[in-house]
Amino acid sequence: MPATLMTLKILLPFRIFAQEAAVKRIIAETRGGSFGLLPQRLDCVAALEPGILIYEHEVEGERYVALDEGVIVKSGQEVLVSVRNAIAGTDLHQLRQAVEREFLSLDEQEQSLRSMMAKLESSFVRRFADFRHD
């Protein structure tokens, strides 16, 4: 592979979602906005927001992947994307809807679950403290 192209690997918690060689450019969404990577860019790390990752393959052209939140790391010509969930597709409108439906609603559910867990933990600690004092 020529030094002017990158290798992209998208990692999920329990498997490799995609691995592509000969990638010309990558665009991902961060809290600060869109984030672009070219082969000559310096090594970097960025936190990803739920959104669409766009990458251009040398032969097959632009491809799209809906991503949950995660991290992108560029080291040399290798780019690693580690996320909780990913969905590949060709229709940007459908992928955007998938992001809104699957990933953003999951965040709301996760916040609700964390709130309930915090209440259970505090109740457990109170009861344990009462038990110790008796």
N, C-alpha and C. Protein backbone atom coordinates (compact mmCIF):
# COMPACT_ATOMS: atom_id res chain seq x y z
N MET A 1 0.85 -1.18 0.00
CA MET A 1 0.00 0.00 0.00
C MET A 1 0.90 1.24 0.00
N PRO A 2 0.64 2.20 -0.88
CA PRO A 2 1.43 3.42 -0.89
C PRO A 2 1.28 4.20 0.41
N ALA A 3 2.30 4.98 0.74
CA ALA A 3 2.29 5.73 2.00
C ALA A 3 1.28 6.86 1.98
N THR A 4 0.67 7.14 0.84
CA THR A 4 -0.26 8.26 0.75
C THR A 4 -1.69 7.86 1.12
N LEU A 5 -1.91 6.62 1.52
CA LEU A 5 -3.25 6.17 1.87
C LEU A 5 -3.25 5.63 3.30
N MET A 6 -4.45 5.61 3.90
CA MET A 6 -4.59 5.17 5.29
C MET A 6 -5.30 3.82 5.36
N THR A 7 -5.18 3.18 6.51
CA THR A 7 -5.94 1.97 6.83
C THR A 7 -6.92 2.35 7.93
N LEU A 8 -8.19 2.03 7.73
CA LEU A 8 -9.24 2.33 8.70
C LEU A 8 -9.74 1.03 9.32
N LYS A 9 -9.82 1.01 10.64
CA LYS A 9 -10.38 -0.14 11.34
C LYS A 9 -11.41 0.38 12.33
N ILE A 10 -12.65 -0.13 12.21
CA ILE A 10 -13.73 0.26 13.12
C ILE A 10 -13.96 -0.91 14.08
N LEU A 11 -13.75 -0.62 15.36
CA LEU A 11 -13.83 -1.66 16.40
C LEU A 11 -15.09 -1.48 17.25
N LEU A 12 -15.79 -2.58 17.47
CA LEU A 12 -16.91 -2.63 18.41
C LEU A 12 -16.41 -3.36 19.65
N PRO A 13 -17.17 -3.34 20.75
CA PRO A 13 -16.68 -3.99 21.97
C PRO A 13 -16.27 -5.45 21.81
N PHE A 14 -16.94 -6.20 20.93
CA PHE A 14 -16.67 -7.63 20.85
C PHE A 14 -16.27 -8.12 19.46
N ARG A 15 -16.03 -7.20 18.53
CA ARG A 15 -15.63 -7.65 17.19
C ARG A 15 -15.13 -6.48 16.36
N ILE A 16 -14.52 -6.80 15.25
CA ILE A 16 -14.10 -5.79 14.29
C ILE A 16 -15.26 -5.58 13.32
N PHE A 17 -15.79 -4.37 13.28
CA PHE A 17 -16.93 -4.07 12.41
C PHE A 17 -16.50 -3.95 10.96
N ALA A 18 -15.39 -3.22 10.72
CA ALA A 18 -14.90 -3.02 9.35
C ALA A 18 -13.40 -2.77 9.38
N GLN A 19 -12.76 -3.20 8.30
CA GLN A 19 -11.34 -2.93 8.13
C GLN A 19 -11.13 -2.62 6.66
N GLU A 20 -10.67 -1.42 6.39
CA GLU A 20 -10.50 -0.95 5.02
C GLU A 20 -9.08 -0.44 4.81
N ALA A 21 -8.46 -0.86 3.72
CA ALA A 21 -7.16 -0.32 3.32
C ALA A 21 -7.42 0.67 2.19
N ALA A 22 -6.44 1.44 1.83
CA ALA A 22 -6.52 2.39 0.72
C ALA A 22 -7.59 3.46 0.93
N VAL A 23 -7.60 4.06 2.12
CA VAL A 23 -8.55 5.12 2.43
C VAL A 23 -7.87 6.46 2.22
N LYS A 24 -8.48 7.34 1.42
CA LYS A 24 -7.90 8.65 1.10
C LYS A 24 -8.17 9.70 2.17
N ARG A 25 -9.41 9.70 2.71
CA ARG A 25 -9.78 10.71 3.70
C ARG A 25 -10.89 10.17 4.58
N ILE A 26 -11.00 10.76 5.79
CA ILE A 26 -12.02 10.35 6.76
C ILE A 26 -12.60 11.62 7.38
N ILE A 27 -13.92 11.64 7.53
CA ILE A 27 -14.59 12.75 8.21
C ILE A 27 -15.49 12.15 9.29
N ALA A 28 -15.32 12.63 10.52
CA ALA A 28 -16.11 12.14 11.65
C ALA A 28 -16.67 13.33 12.42
N GLU A 29 -17.66 13.06 13.27
CA GLU A 29 -18.29 14.11 14.06
C GLU A 29 -17.80 14.08 15.50
N THR A 30 -17.34 15.25 16.00
CA THR A 30 -16.90 15.39 17.38
C THR A 30 -17.76 16.45 18.05
N ARG A 31 -17.55 16.67 19.32
CA ARG A 31 -18.30 17.72 20.04
C ARG A 31 -18.02 19.10 19.45
N GLY A 32 -16.83 19.29 18.90
CA GLY A 32 -16.46 20.57 18.33
C GLY A 32 -16.88 20.73 16.88
N GLY A 33 -17.49 19.73 16.29
CA GLY A 33 -17.91 19.78 14.89
C GLY A 33 -17.27 18.66 14.10
N SER A 34 -17.28 18.80 12.79
CA SER A 34 -16.69 17.78 11.93
C SER A 34 -15.18 17.78 12.06
N PHE A 35 -14.60 16.59 11.92
CA PHE A 35 -13.17 16.38 12.13
C PHE A 35 -12.67 15.59 10.94
N GLY A 36 -11.71 16.14 10.20
CA GLY A 36 -11.21 15.48 9.01
C GLY A 36 -9.81 14.94 9.18
N LEU A 37 -9.55 13.80 8.56
CA LEU A 37 -8.23 13.19 8.58
C LEU A 37 -7.76 12.92 7.15
N LEU A 38 -6.53 13.31 6.87
CA LEU A 38 -5.86 13.00 5.62
C LEU A 38 -4.60 12.22 5.96
N PRO A 39 -4.05 11.49 5.01
CA PRO A 39 -2.87 10.67 5.31
C PRO A 39 -1.68 11.46 5.89
N GLN A 40 -1.49 12.70 5.49
CA GLN A 40 -0.34 13.48 5.95
C GLN A 40 -0.57 14.16 7.30
N ARG A 41 -1.78 14.09 7.83
CA ARG A 41 -2.07 14.75 9.09
C ARG A 41 -1.26 14.13 10.22
N LEU A 42 -0.89 14.96 11.19
CA LEU A 42 -0.17 14.47 12.35
C LEU A 42 -1.04 13.51 13.15
N ASP A 43 -0.41 12.66 13.93
CA ASP A 43 -1.13 11.72 14.78
C ASP A 43 -2.01 12.48 15.76
N CYS A 44 -3.18 11.92 16.06
CA CYS A 44 -4.12 12.61 16.95
C CYS A 44 -5.13 11.64 17.53
N VAL A 45 -5.87 12.15 18.52
CA VAL A 45 -6.95 11.41 19.18
C VAL A 45 -8.12 12.38 19.34
N ALA A 46 -9.36 11.90 19.13
CA ALA A 46 -10.54 12.75 19.33
C ALA A 46 -11.70 11.90 19.83
N ALA A 47 -12.54 12.51 20.67
CA ALA A 47 -13.77 11.86 21.14
C ALA A 47 -14.85 12.06 20.09
N LEU A 48 -15.55 10.99 19.76
CA LEU A 48 -16.61 11.05 18.74
C LEU A 48 -17.98 11.13 19.38
N GLU A 49 -18.83 11.89 18.74
CA GLU A 49 -20.25 11.97 19.10
C GLU A 49 -21.02 11.01 18.20
N PRO A 50 -22.23 10.61 18.59
CA PRO A 50 -23.05 9.82 17.67
C PRO A 50 -23.26 10.61 16.37
N GLY A 51 -23.00 9.97 15.25
CA GLY A 51 -23.13 10.65 13.97
C GLY A 51 -22.68 9.76 12.82
N ILE A 52 -22.39 10.40 11.69
CA ILE A 52 -22.02 9.68 10.48
C ILE A 52 -20.52 9.83 10.23
N LEU A 53 -19.85 8.71 10.03
CA LEU A 53 -18.45 8.71 9.62
C LEU A 53 -18.43 8.53 8.11
N ILE A 54 -17.71 9.41 7.43
CA ILE A 54 -17.58 9.33 5.98
C ILE A 54 -16.13 9.03 5.67
N TYR A 55 -15.89 8.04 4.84
CA TYR A 55 -14.53 7.80 4.40
C TYR A 55 -14.53 7.53 2.90
N GLU A 56 -13.44 7.93 2.26
CA GLU A 56 -13.31 7.76 0.81
C GLU A 56 -12.29 6.69 0.52
N HIS A 57 -12.75 5.60 -0.06
CA HIS A 57 -11.89 4.50 -0.47
C HIS A 57 -11.31 4.84 -1.84
N GLU A 58 -10.08 4.46 -2.06
CA GLU A 58 -9.40 4.81 -3.32
C GLU A 58 -10.15 4.31 -4.54
N VAL A 59 -10.70 3.11 -4.50
CA VAL A 59 -11.35 2.51 -5.66
C VAL A 59 -12.87 2.65 -5.59
N GLU A 60 -13.46 2.40 -4.41
CA GLU A 60 -14.91 2.31 -4.27
C GLU A 60 -15.61 3.62 -3.96
N GLY A 61 -14.86 4.70 -3.76
CA GLY A 61 -15.46 6.00 -3.51
C GLY A 61 -15.90 6.18 -2.06
N GLU A 62 -16.86 7.11 -1.86
CA GLU A 62 -17.32 7.44 -0.51
C GLU A 62 -18.18 6.34 0.08
N ARG A 63 -17.97 6.11 1.37
CA ARG A 63 -18.78 5.15 2.13
C ARG A 63 -19.20 5.82 3.42
N TYR A 64 -20.31 5.33 4.01
CA TYR A 64 -20.88 5.95 5.19
C TYR A 64 -21.13 4.90 6.27
N VAL A 65 -20.86 5.29 7.52
CA VAL A 65 -21.13 4.43 8.66
C VAL A 65 -21.71 5.29 9.78
N ALA A 66 -22.87 4.89 10.29
CA ALA A 66 -23.45 5.56 11.46
C ALA A 66 -22.74 5.01 12.69
N LEU A 67 -22.25 5.92 13.55
CA LEU A 67 -21.49 5.52 14.72
C LEU A 67 -22.14 6.02 16.00
N ASP A 68 -22.01 5.23 17.04
CA ASP A 68 -22.35 5.68 18.38
C ASP A 68 -21.13 6.43 18.90
N GLU A 69 -21.20 6.96 20.11
CA GLU A 69 -20.05 7.70 20.64
C GLU A 69 -18.86 6.77 20.83
N GLY A 70 -17.67 7.36 20.75
CA GLY A 70 -16.46 6.57 20.89
C GLY A 70 -15.22 7.43 20.74
N VAL A 71 -14.16 6.82 20.21
CA VAL A 71 -12.87 7.49 20.08
C VAL A 71 -12.28 7.17 18.72
N ILE A 72 -11.59 8.15 18.13
CA ILE A 72 -10.85 7.94 16.90
C ILE A 72 -9.38 8.25 17.18
N VAL A 73 -8.49 7.37 16.72
CA VAL A 73 -7.06 7.52 16.95
C VAL A 73 -6.34 7.36 15.61
N LYS A 74 -5.54 8.36 15.26
CA LYS A 74 -4.69 8.26 14.06
C LYS A 74 -3.25 8.13 14.51
N SER A 75 -2.62 7.05 14.06
CA SER A 75 -1.22 6.81 14.37
C SER A 75 -0.53 6.38 13.08
N GLY A 76 0.29 7.27 12.54
CA GLY A 76 0.90 6.98 11.24
C GLY A 76 -0.16 6.92 10.17
N GLN A 77 -0.19 5.83 9.43
CA GLN A 77 -1.19 5.67 8.37
C GLN A 77 -2.37 4.82 8.84
N GLU A 78 -2.40 4.46 10.12
CA GLU A 78 -3.48 3.64 10.66
C GLU A 78 -4.44 4.50 11.47
N VAL A 79 -5.74 4.32 11.19
CA VAL A 79 -6.79 5.03 11.92
C VAL A 79 -7.68 3.98 12.58
N LEU A 80 -7.79 4.06 13.90
CA LEU A 80 -8.65 3.15 14.67
C LEU A 80 -9.84 3.94 15.20
N VAL A 81 -11.02 3.40 14.99
CA VAL A 81 -12.24 3.99 15.52
C VAL A 81 -12.85 2.95 16.45
N SER A 82 -13.00 3.30 17.72
CA SER A 82 -13.57 2.39 18.70
C SER A 82 -14.89 2.99 19.19
N VAL A 83 -15.99 2.28 18.91
CA VAL A 83 -17.33 2.76 19.26
C VAL A 83 -18.16 1.63 19.86
N ARG A 84 -19.26 2.00 20.48
CA ARG A 84 -20.16 0.99 21.07
C ARG A 84 -20.98 0.26 20.01
N ASN A 85 -21.37 0.99 18.96
CA ASN A 85 -22.22 0.40 17.94
C ASN A 85 -22.00 1.11 16.62
N ALA A 86 -22.24 0.41 15.51
CA ALA A 86 -22.06 0.99 14.18
C ALA A 86 -23.04 0.34 13.21
N ILE A 87 -23.48 1.13 12.23
CA ILE A 87 -24.39 0.65 11.18
C ILE A 87 -23.86 1.18 9.86
N ALA A 88 -23.57 0.31 8.90
CA ALA A 88 -23.12 0.73 7.57
C ALA A 88 -24.32 0.91 6.66
N GLY A 89 -24.20 1.79 5.69
CA GLY A 89 -25.29 2.02 4.75
C GLY A 89 -24.88 2.94 3.63
N THR A 90 -25.76 3.08 2.66
CA THR A 90 -25.47 3.95 1.52
C THR A 90 -26.36 5.18 1.48
N ASP A 91 -27.50 5.13 2.15
CA ASP A 91 -28.43 6.26 2.16
C ASP A 91 -28.18 7.11 3.41
N LEU A 92 -27.69 8.33 3.21
CA LEU A 92 -27.37 9.20 4.33
C LEU A 92 -28.59 9.55 5.18
N HIS A 93 -29.73 9.75 4.54
CA HIS A 93 -30.95 10.09 5.28
C HIS A 93 -31.34 8.95 6.23
N GLN A 94 -31.29 7.71 5.75
CA GLN A 94 -31.64 6.57 6.60
C GLN A 94 -30.62 6.39 7.72
N LEU A 95 -29.34 6.62 7.43
CA LEU A 95 -28.32 6.51 8.47
C LEU A 95 -28.50 7.58 9.54
N ARG A 96 -28.83 8.80 9.12
CA ARG A 96 -29.05 9.88 10.09
C ARG A 96 -30.24 9.53 10.99
N GLN A 97 -31.29 8.97 10.41
CA GLN A 97 -32.44 8.55 11.21
C GLN A 97 -32.05 7.43 12.18
N ALA A 98 -31.19 6.52 11.73
CA ALA A 98 -30.73 5.44 12.60
C ALA A 98 -29.94 6.00 13.78
N VAL A 99 -29.12 7.00 13.54
CA VAL A 99 -28.36 7.64 14.62
C VAL A 99 -29.32 8.23 15.64
N GLU A 100 -30.30 8.97 15.16
CA GLU A 100 -31.26 9.62 16.06
C GLU A 100 -32.10 8.59 16.81
N ARG A 101 -32.53 7.56 16.11
CA ARG A 101 -33.41 6.56 16.71
C ARG A 101 -32.65 5.63 17.66
N GLU A 102 -31.51 5.11 17.24
CA GLU A 102 -30.82 4.07 18.00
C GLU A 102 -29.84 4.64 19.02
N PHE A 103 -28.96 5.52 18.60
CA PHE A 103 -27.87 5.94 19.45
C PHE A 103 -28.26 7.05 20.41
N LEU A 104 -28.98 8.05 19.95
CA LEU A 104 -29.35 9.16 20.82
C LEU A 104 -30.40 8.74 21.84
N SER A 105 -31.35 7.88 21.45
CA SER A 105 -32.35 7.41 22.41
C SER A 105 -31.70 6.50 23.44
N LEU A 106 -30.68 5.76 23.06
CA LEU A 106 -29.96 4.92 23.99
C LEU A 106 -29.31 5.76 25.08
N ASP A 107 -28.80 6.93 24.71
CA ASP A 107 -28.21 7.82 25.70
C ASP A 107 -29.24 8.25 26.74
N GLU A 108 -30.46 8.53 26.31
CA GLU A 108 -31.51 8.91 27.24
C GLU A 108 -31.85 7.74 28.16
N GLN A 109 -31.94 6.53 27.60
CA GLN A 109 -32.21 5.35 28.42
C GLN A 109 -31.07 5.12 29.41
N GLU A 110 -29.86 5.31 28.94
CA GLU A 110 -28.69 5.11 29.79
C GLU A 110 -28.69 6.10 30.95
N GLN A 111 -29.04 7.35 30.69
CA GLN A 111 -29.10 8.35 31.74
C GLN A 111 -30.17 7.98 32.77
N SER A 112 -31.31 7.52 32.31
CA SER A 112 -32.37 7.10 33.21
C SER A 112 -31.92 5.91 34.06
N LEU A 113 -31.26 4.95 33.42
CA LEU A 113 -30.76 3.78 34.14
C LEU A 113 -29.72 4.18 35.18
N ARG A 114 -28.82 5.08 34.83
CA ARG A 114 -27.80 5.52 35.78
C ARG A 114 -28.43 6.25 36.96
N SER A 115 -29.46 7.04 36.70
CA SER A 115 -30.16 7.74 37.77
C SER A 115 -30.81 6.74 38.73
N MET A 116 -31.45 5.72 38.18
CA MET A 116 -32.08 4.71 39.03
C MET A 116 -31.03 3.94 39.82
N MET A 117 -29.90 3.62 39.20
CA MET A 117 -28.83 2.90 39.90
C MET A 117 -28.27 3.74 41.05
N ALA A 118 -28.13 5.03 40.82
CA ALA A 118 -27.63 5.92 41.88
C ALA A 118 -28.60 5.94 43.06
N LYS A 119 -29.90 5.96 42.78
CA LYS A 119 -30.90 5.94 43.85
C LYS A 119 -30.85 4.61 44.62
N LEU A 120 -30.70 3.51 43.90
CA LEU A 120 -30.60 2.21 44.56
C LEU A 120 -29.35 2.13 45.43
N GLU A 121 -28.24 2.62 44.90
CA GLU A 121 -26.99 2.59 45.66
C GLU A 121 -27.09 3.44 46.93
N SER A 122 -27.66 4.63 46.81
CA SER A 122 -27.77 5.49 47.99
C SER A 122 -28.71 4.87 49.02
N SER A 123 -29.78 4.23 48.56
CA SER A 123 -30.70 3.56 49.47
C SER A 123 -29.99 2.40 50.17
N PHE A 124 -29.21 1.64 49.42
CA PHE A 124 -28.45 0.53 50.00
C PHE A 124 -27.47 1.04 51.06
N VAL A 125 -26.75 2.12 50.76
CA VAL A 125 -25.78 2.68 51.70
C VAL A 125 -26.47 3.15 52.97
N ARG A 126 -27.63 3.83 52.84
CA ARG A 126 -28.38 4.28 54.01
C ARG A 126 -28.82 3.10 54.87
N ARG A 127 -29.36 2.08 54.24
CA ARG A 127 -29.82 0.91 55.00
C ARG A 127 -28.66 0.18 55.65
N PHE A 128 -27.54 0.10 54.95
CA PHE A 128 -26.35 -0.54 55.51
C PHE A 128 -25.84 0.24 56.71
N ALA A 129 -25.85 1.58 56.60
CA ALA A 129 -25.41 2.41 57.73
C ALA A 129 -26.35 2.25 58.91
N ASP A 130 -27.67 2.20 58.67
CA ASP A 130 -28.63 1.98 59.75
C ASP A 130 -28.42 0.61 60.39
N PHE A 131 -28.13 -0.38 59.59
CA PHE A 131 -27.88 -1.73 60.08
C PHE A 131 -26.65 -1.77 60.98
N ARG A 132 -25.59 -1.07 60.60
CA ARG A 132 -24.37 -1.03 61.39
C ARG A 132 -24.58 -0.33 62.73
N HIS A 133 -25.44 0.67 62.77
CA HIS A 133 -25.67 1.42 64.01
C HIS A 133 -26.60 0.69 64.97
N ASP A 134 -27.36 -0.27 64.47
CA ASP A 134 -28.29 -1.00 65.35
C ASP A 134 -27.61 -2.05 66.18
